[in-house]
Amino acid sequence: MIVEKAKSRRAMTGGELGEKLLLSVRQMNAGQGAVVYSPTIAARQKSGLSQSQFATLMGVSVRTLQEWEQGRRQPSGAAQTLLRVAHNHPDVLRELAI
């Protein structure tokens, strides 16, 4: 039965994929695209620091920071606490960067 269900699924044709992509582009142009919120990006932007500076202060590599910002990894509990501090008190983080 499971095999029958798998066989009934068919691959999307190139034309169908193209139509879906065009629909997505039209939705984005109309302002209907989804905005993904990253607390890591928000904290870094409020601090006014570059990725490199922010990563150094957080004690992580730039690559790890990028993984957090792109949603591929989640910060540990301690890192999440530091991110909240950075977001709520960006002036403190800027002082540490000097």
N, C-alpha and C. Protein backbone atom coordinates (compact mmCIF):
# COMPACT_ATOMS: atom_id res chain seq x y z
N MET A 1 0.83 -1.19 0.00
CA MET A 1 0.00 0.00 0.00
C MET A 1 0.87 1.26 0.00
N ILE A 2 1.93 1.27 0.82
CA ILE A 2 2.83 2.41 0.85
C ILE A 2 3.51 2.57 -0.50
N VAL A 3 3.88 1.46 -1.11
CA VAL A 3 4.52 1.50 -2.42
C VAL A 3 3.57 2.09 -3.44
N GLU A 4 2.29 1.75 -3.38
CA GLU A 4 1.32 2.29 -4.31
C GLU A 4 1.20 3.80 -4.18
N LYS A 5 1.22 4.31 -2.93
CA LYS A 5 1.13 5.75 -2.72
C LYS A 5 2.36 6.45 -3.29
N ALA A 6 3.51 5.86 -3.09
CA ALA A 6 4.74 6.45 -3.60
C ALA A 6 4.73 6.49 -5.12
N LYS A 7 4.19 5.47 -5.74
CA LYS A 7 4.13 5.43 -7.19
C LYS A 7 3.16 6.47 -7.74
N SER A 8 2.13 6.79 -6.96
CA SER A 8 1.13 7.73 -7.46
C SER A 8 1.65 9.17 -7.46
N ARG A 9 2.70 9.44 -6.69
CA ARG A 9 3.30 10.77 -6.71
C ARG A 9 4.13 10.90 -7.98
N ARG A 10 4.07 12.08 -8.56
CA ARG A 10 4.86 12.28 -9.76
C ARG A 10 5.76 13.49 -9.56
N ALA A 11 6.82 13.51 -10.28
CA ALA A 11 7.76 14.63 -10.19
C ALA A 11 7.16 15.85 -10.86
N MET A 12 7.53 17.00 -10.35
CA MET A 12 7.07 18.26 -10.91
C MET A 12 7.80 18.49 -12.24
N THR A 13 7.07 18.91 -13.24
CA THR A 13 7.71 19.18 -14.54
C THR A 13 8.41 20.54 -14.48
N GLY A 14 9.26 20.79 -15.44
CA GLY A 14 9.96 22.07 -15.51
C GLY A 14 8.99 23.23 -15.63
N GLY A 15 7.94 23.02 -16.41
CA GLY A 15 6.94 24.08 -16.58
C GLY A 15 6.21 24.39 -15.29
N GLU A 16 5.87 23.35 -14.54
CA GLU A 16 5.18 23.55 -13.26
C GLU A 16 6.10 24.27 -12.27
N LEU A 17 7.36 23.88 -12.25
CA LEU A 17 8.31 24.54 -11.37
C LEU A 17 8.45 26.01 -11.75
N GLY A 18 8.55 26.28 -13.04
CA GLY A 18 8.64 27.65 -13.52
C GLY A 18 7.44 28.48 -13.09
N GLU A 19 6.24 27.90 -13.20
CA GLU A 19 5.02 28.61 -12.80
C GLU A 19 5.04 28.92 -11.30
N LYS A 20 5.49 27.96 -10.50
CA LYS A 20 5.56 28.19 -9.05
C LYS A 20 6.56 29.28 -8.72
N LEU A 21 7.69 29.30 -9.39
CA LEU A 21 8.70 30.32 -9.16
C LEU A 21 8.18 31.70 -9.55
N LEU A 22 7.52 31.79 -10.71
CA LEU A 22 6.95 33.07 -11.14
C LEU A 22 5.90 33.57 -10.16
N LEU A 23 5.08 32.67 -9.66
CA LEU A 23 4.07 33.05 -8.67
C LEU A 23 4.75 33.60 -7.42
N SER A 24 5.82 32.96 -6.98
CA SER A 24 6.55 33.43 -5.80
C SER A 24 7.13 34.81 -6.02
N VAL A 25 7.71 35.04 -7.19
CA VAL A 25 8.29 36.35 -7.50
C VAL A 25 7.19 37.41 -7.52
N ARG A 26 6.05 37.09 -8.11
CA ARG A 26 4.94 38.05 -8.16
C ARG A 26 4.45 38.38 -6.75
N GLN A 27 4.39 37.37 -5.88
CA GLN A 27 3.96 37.60 -4.50
C GLN A 27 4.96 38.50 -3.77
N MET A 28 6.25 38.26 -3.97
CA MET A 28 7.26 39.11 -3.32
C MET A 28 7.16 40.54 -3.82
N ASN A 29 6.99 40.72 -5.14
CA ASN A 29 6.87 42.06 -5.70
C ASN A 29 5.64 42.79 -5.18
N ALA A 30 4.60 42.03 -4.87
CA ALA A 30 3.37 42.62 -4.35
C ALA A 30 3.44 42.82 -2.83
N GLY A 31 4.59 42.52 -2.23
CA GLY A 31 4.75 42.68 -0.78
C GLY A 31 4.11 41.58 0.02
N GLN A 32 3.87 40.44 -0.61
CA GLN A 32 3.23 39.33 0.08
C GLN A 32 4.23 38.25 0.50
N GLY A 33 5.51 38.53 0.33
CA GLY A 33 6.53 37.56 0.70
C GLY A 33 6.64 37.45 2.22
N ALA A 34 7.11 36.32 2.68
CA ALA A 34 7.28 36.10 4.11
C ALA A 34 8.59 36.74 4.57
N VAL A 35 8.53 37.41 5.69
CA VAL A 35 9.72 38.00 6.29
C VAL A 35 10.14 37.10 7.44
N VAL A 36 11.38 36.68 7.40
CA VAL A 36 11.90 35.81 8.45
C VAL A 36 12.63 36.68 9.46
N TYR A 37 12.23 36.56 10.72
CA TYR A 37 12.82 37.36 11.78
C TYR A 37 13.93 36.58 12.45
N SER A 38 15.10 37.17 12.53
CA SER A 38 16.22 36.54 13.20
C SER A 38 16.62 37.40 14.39
N PRO A 39 16.43 36.89 15.61
CA PRO A 39 16.83 37.66 16.78
C PRO A 39 18.33 37.95 16.80
N THR A 40 19.11 37.06 16.19
CA THR A 40 20.56 37.27 16.14
C THR A 40 20.89 38.47 15.28
N ILE A 41 20.26 38.57 14.12
CA ILE A 41 20.50 39.71 13.23
C ILE A 41 20.03 41.00 13.91
N ALA A 42 18.87 40.95 14.56
CA ALA A 42 18.33 42.13 15.22
C ALA A 42 19.29 42.62 16.31
N ALA A 43 19.83 41.70 17.10
CA ALA A 43 20.76 42.08 18.17
C ALA A 43 22.03 42.69 17.59
N ARG A 44 22.55 42.07 16.54
CA ARG A 44 23.79 42.58 15.93
C ARG A 44 23.55 43.96 15.31
N GLN A 45 22.44 44.13 14.63
CA GLN A 45 22.16 45.41 13.99
C GLN A 45 21.96 46.52 15.01
N LYS A 46 21.30 46.22 16.12
CA LYS A 46 21.11 47.23 17.16
C LYS A 46 22.44 47.66 17.76
N SER A 47 23.38 46.74 17.80
CA SER A 47 24.69 47.07 18.37
C SER A 47 25.52 47.90 17.41
N GLY A 48 25.21 47.82 16.12
CA GLY A 48 25.96 48.55 15.11
C GLY A 48 27.32 47.92 14.80
N LEU A 49 27.50 46.67 15.19
CA LEU A 49 28.77 45.98 14.97
C LEU A 49 28.72 45.11 13.72
N SER A 50 29.89 44.89 13.14
CA SER A 50 29.99 43.99 11.99
C SER A 50 29.85 42.54 12.48
N GLN A 51 29.67 41.63 11.54
CA GLN A 51 29.59 40.21 11.92
C GLN A 51 30.85 39.79 12.65
N SER A 52 31.98 40.21 12.15
CA SER A 52 33.25 39.82 12.75
C SER A 52 33.38 40.34 14.18
N GLN A 53 33.04 41.61 14.38
CA GLN A 53 33.12 42.20 15.72
C GLN A 53 32.14 41.53 16.67
N PHE A 54 30.92 41.32 16.20
CA PHE A 54 29.88 40.72 17.03
C PHE A 54 30.25 39.28 17.40
N ALA A 55 30.75 38.52 16.43
CA ALA A 55 31.15 37.14 16.69
C ALA A 55 32.26 37.08 17.73
N THR A 56 33.23 37.99 17.63
CA THR A 56 34.33 38.01 18.60
C THR A 56 33.79 38.27 20.00
N LEU A 57 32.90 39.24 20.14
CA LEU A 57 32.33 39.54 21.46
C LEU A 57 31.49 38.39 22.00
N MET A 58 30.83 37.66 21.10
CA MET A 58 30.01 36.52 21.52
C MET A 58 30.86 35.28 21.81
N GLY A 59 32.12 35.33 21.38
CA GLY A 59 33.01 34.18 21.61
C GLY A 59 32.77 33.03 20.67
N VAL A 60 32.29 33.36 19.45
CA VAL A 60 32.04 32.32 18.44
C VAL A 60 32.72 32.72 17.14
N SER A 61 32.82 31.79 16.23
CA SER A 61 33.38 32.10 14.92
C SER A 61 32.35 32.86 14.08
N VAL A 62 32.85 33.55 13.08
CA VAL A 62 31.95 34.27 12.16
C VAL A 62 31.01 33.27 11.49
N ARG A 63 31.53 32.10 11.16
CA ARG A 63 30.72 31.06 10.51
C ARG A 63 29.56 30.63 11.41
N THR A 64 29.83 30.46 12.70
CA THR A 64 28.76 30.09 13.63
C THR A 64 27.70 31.19 13.69
N LEU A 65 28.16 32.44 13.75
CA LEU A 65 27.21 33.56 13.76
C LEU A 65 26.36 33.56 12.50
N GLN A 66 26.97 33.31 11.36
CA GLN A 66 26.22 33.24 10.11
C GLN A 66 25.21 32.11 10.12
N GLU A 67 25.59 30.98 10.69
CA GLU A 67 24.66 29.85 10.80
C GLU A 67 23.45 30.24 11.64
N TRP A 68 23.68 30.97 12.74
CA TRP A 68 22.58 31.45 13.58
C TRP A 68 21.70 32.41 12.79
N GLU A 69 22.33 33.36 12.11
CA GLU A 69 21.57 34.38 11.39
C GLU A 69 20.75 33.79 10.25
N GLN A 70 21.24 32.73 9.64
CA GLN A 70 20.52 32.10 8.53
C GLN A 70 19.57 31.01 8.98
N GLY A 71 19.49 30.77 10.29
CA GLY A 71 18.54 29.81 10.83
C GLY A 71 18.95 28.36 10.66
N ARG A 72 20.19 28.09 10.31
CA ARG A 72 20.63 26.71 10.15
C ARG A 72 21.04 26.09 11.47
N ARG A 73 21.37 26.92 12.45
CA ARG A 73 21.72 26.45 13.79
C ARG A 73 21.08 27.37 14.81
N GLN A 74 20.89 26.85 16.00
CA GLN A 74 20.34 27.64 17.09
C GLN A 74 21.42 27.89 18.13
N PRO A 75 21.49 29.12 18.65
CA PRO A 75 22.46 29.40 19.70
C PRO A 75 22.16 28.58 20.96
N SER A 76 23.21 28.29 21.72
CA SER A 76 23.03 27.56 22.99
C SER A 76 22.27 28.47 23.96
N GLY A 77 21.89 27.93 25.09
CA GLY A 77 21.18 28.71 26.11
C GLY A 77 21.95 29.93 26.56
N ALA A 78 23.26 29.75 26.83
CA ALA A 78 24.08 30.88 27.26
C ALA A 78 24.18 31.93 26.17
N ALA A 79 24.35 31.49 24.93
CA ALA A 79 24.44 32.43 23.81
C ALA A 79 23.12 33.17 23.63
N GLN A 80 22.00 32.48 23.83
CA GLN A 80 20.70 33.15 23.72
C GLN A 80 20.56 34.25 24.77
N THR A 81 21.06 34.00 25.96
CA THR A 81 21.03 35.01 27.02
C THR A 81 21.87 36.22 26.63
N LEU A 82 23.07 35.96 26.10
CA LEU A 82 23.93 37.06 25.65
C LEU A 82 23.27 37.84 24.51
N LEU A 83 22.58 37.14 23.62
CA LEU A 83 21.89 37.81 22.52
C LEU A 83 20.77 38.72 23.05
N ARG A 84 20.07 38.27 24.09
CA ARG A 84 19.02 39.11 24.68
C ARG A 84 19.63 40.37 25.29
N VAL A 85 20.77 40.20 25.99
CA VAL A 85 21.46 41.36 26.56
C VAL A 85 21.89 42.30 25.44
N ALA A 86 22.47 41.74 24.39
CA ALA A 86 22.92 42.55 23.26
C ALA A 86 21.77 43.31 22.62
N HIS A 87 20.61 42.66 22.53
CA HIS A 87 19.45 43.30 21.91
C HIS A 87 18.87 44.39 22.82
N ASN A 88 18.76 44.10 24.12
CA ASN A 88 18.14 45.04 25.04
C ASN A 88 19.09 46.16 25.49
N HIS A 89 20.39 45.92 25.44
CA HIS A 89 21.38 46.90 25.90
C HIS A 89 22.55 46.98 24.92
N PRO A 90 22.29 47.42 23.69
CA PRO A 90 23.36 47.44 22.69
C PRO A 90 24.52 48.35 23.07
N ASP A 91 24.24 49.36 23.90
CA ASP A 91 25.31 50.27 24.33
C ASP A 91 26.37 49.53 25.14
N VAL A 92 25.95 48.56 25.94
CA VAL A 92 26.90 47.77 26.74
C VAL A 92 27.80 46.97 25.80
N LEU A 93 27.23 46.40 24.78
CA LEU A 93 28.03 45.63 23.83
C LEU A 93 29.02 46.52 23.08
N ARG A 94 28.55 47.72 22.71
CA ARG A 94 29.47 48.66 22.03
C ARG A 94 30.63 49.05 22.94
N GLU A 95 30.36 49.20 24.24
CA GLU A 95 31.43 49.52 25.19
C GLU A 95 32.46 48.39 25.24
N LEU A 96 32.01 47.16 25.19
CA LEU A 96 32.92 46.03 25.22
C LEU A 96 33.77 45.95 23.95
N ALA A 97 33.23 46.44 22.85
CA ALA A 97 33.93 46.37 21.57
C ALA A 97 35.10 47.36 21.50
N ILE A 98 35.08 48.36 22.35
CA ILE A 98 36.13 49.39 22.30
C ILE A 98 37.41 48.90 22.94
